[in-house]
Protein backbone atom coordinates (compact mmCIF):
# COMPACT_ATOMS: atom_id res chain seq x y z
CA MET A 1 -11.48 -5.50 -5.29
CA HIS A 2 -8.34 -7.05 -6.78
CA LYS A 3 -7.23 -7.66 -10.35
CA ASN A 4 -6.22 -11.36 -10.54
CA LEU A 5 -4.17 -11.71 -7.38
CA ASP A 6 -3.81 -15.38 -7.91
CA ARG A 7 -1.47 -14.77 -10.76
CA ARG A 8 2.25 -15.77 -10.32
CA ASP A 9 5.08 -13.47 -10.22
CA HIS A 10 3.73 -10.27 -9.05
CA TYR A 11 4.90 -8.00 -6.26
CA ALA A 12 3.68 -6.94 -2.93
CA VAL A 13 4.64 -3.75 -1.11
CA ILE A 14 4.05 -4.20 2.67
CA PHE A 15 3.88 -0.89 4.56
CA THR A 16 3.78 -1.26 8.40
CA SER A 17 3.46 1.92 10.48
CA LYS A 18 2.75 3.40 13.80
CA LEU A 19 0.84 6.72 13.80
CA LYS A 20 1.50 9.62 16.09
CA HIS A 21 -1.49 10.82 17.99
CA PRO A 22 -3.22 12.86 16.98
CA ALA A 23 -2.79 12.32 13.23
CA HIS A 24 -5.05 15.06 11.87
CA GLY A 25 -5.49 14.70 8.09
CA TYR A 26 -4.02 11.15 7.87
CA GLU A 27 -7.24 9.34 6.86
CA GLU A 28 -8.00 11.77 4.11
CA MET A 29 -4.48 11.40 2.73
CA ALA A 30 -4.55 7.59 3.02
CA PHE A 31 -7.81 7.58 1.02
CA GLN A 32 -6.36 9.90 -1.64
CA MET A 33 -3.30 7.69 -1.95
CA GLU A 34 -5.24 4.59 -2.40
CA GLU A 35 -7.38 6.25 -5.10
CA LEU A 36 -4.28 7.46 -6.79
CA ALA A 37 -2.59 4.09 -6.59
CA LYS A 38 -5.66 2.45 -8.40
CA LYS A 39 -4.95 4.73 -11.35
CA GLN A 40 -1.24 3.76 -11.74
CA PRO A 41 -0.03 1.39 -14.38
CA GLY A 42 0.65 -2.06 -12.99
CA PHE A 43 -1.58 -1.67 -9.86
CA LEU A 44 -3.36 -4.91 -8.94
CA GLY A 45 -4.97 -4.27 -5.57
CA VAL A 46 -4.61 -3.12 -1.96
CA GLU A 47 -5.48 -4.52 1.46
CA SER A 48 -5.23 -2.41 4.59
CA ALA A 49 -5.90 -2.83 8.39
CA ARG A 50 -5.29 -0.37 11.21
CA SER A 51 -5.66 -0.52 14.95
CA ASP A 52 -2.61 0.21 17.09
CA LEU A 53 -0.39 -0.89 14.19
CA GLY A 54 -1.23 -0.13 10.49
CA ILE A 55 -0.51 -2.53 7.64
CA THR A 56 -1.17 -1.81 4.08
CA VAL A 57 -0.21 -4.21 1.31
CA SER A 58 -0.38 -3.08 -2.25
CA TYR A 59 0.06 -5.42 -5.24
CA TRP A 60 1.81 -4.60 -8.48
CA THR A 61 2.56 -6.47 -11.68
CA ASP A 62 6.33 -5.85 -11.68
CA GLN A 63 9.26 -4.03 -10.05
CA GLU A 64 8.95 -1.23 -12.57
CA ALA A 65 5.44 -0.57 -11.45
CA VAL A 66 6.55 -0.58 -7.78
CA LYS A 67 9.38 1.89 -8.55
CA ASN A 68 7.00 4.17 -10.49
CA TRP A 69 4.58 4.31 -7.58
CA LYS A 70 7.36 5.07 -5.07
CA GLU A 71 8.48 7.99 -7.30
CA GLN A 72 4.97 9.35 -8.13
CA LEU A 73 4.97 13.04 -7.41
CA GLU A 74 1.81 13.23 -5.24
CA HIS A 75 2.91 10.01 -3.43
CA LEU A 76 6.32 11.62 -2.69
CA LYS A 77 4.52 14.62 -1.14
CA ALA A 78 2.44 12.25 1.07
CA GLN A 79 5.55 10.34 2.06
CA GLU A 80 7.21 13.63 3.28
CA LEU A 81 4.03 14.59 5.24
CA GLY A 82 4.05 11.10 6.78
CA LYS A 83 7.61 11.59 7.91
CA SER A 84 7.07 15.08 9.32
CA LYS A 85 3.57 14.92 10.64
CA TRP A 86 1.97 11.44 11.00
CA TYR A 87 4.29 8.48 11.66
CA ASP A 88 6.23 7.58 14.76
CA TRP A 89 7.87 4.96 12.45
CA TYR A 90 7.22 2.87 9.39
CA LYS A 91 8.96 0.16 7.37
CA VAL A 92 8.50 -1.06 3.82
CA HIS A 93 9.13 -4.59 2.41
CA VAL A 94 8.93 -5.20 -1.29
CA CYS A 95 8.42 -8.96 -1.93
CA LYS A 96 7.96 -11.11 -5.05
CA ILE A 97 4.87 -13.25 -4.87
CA GLU A 98 5.55 -16.72 -6.22
CA ARG A 99 2.32 -18.40 -5.14
CA ALA A 100 -1.04 -17.12 -3.76
CA TYR A 101 -4.29 -18.68 -2.88
CA GLN A 102 -7.35 -17.78 -0.91
CA PHE A 103 -10.41 -19.17 0.92
CA THR A 104 -13.87 -17.54 0.90
CA SER A 105 -16.70 -18.92 3.06
CA THR A 106 -19.99 -19.54 1.27
CA ASP A 107 -22.02 -18.92 4.52
């Protein structure tokens, strides 16, 4: 699922959004963008949840990888479609991860 997310000094891009209704074609594009992101240099992983509010967090090795993803041609096209077709609003936060840990139940 994730490539070594317990490492120090990586970056998270937090994308929070509210979809318009209906949002025809959105799910397919979201899947395509996740598959494309996985192929990008510096990609570490992604987590996503959607109900009324959507939150996707992607993880990257460094700021250069984040910048390259933002400027990737197919991703730029998806961003424009999002603005014109799918989103009421969105916001993006880019954060440096200084520490990370997790819990997994053994049940």
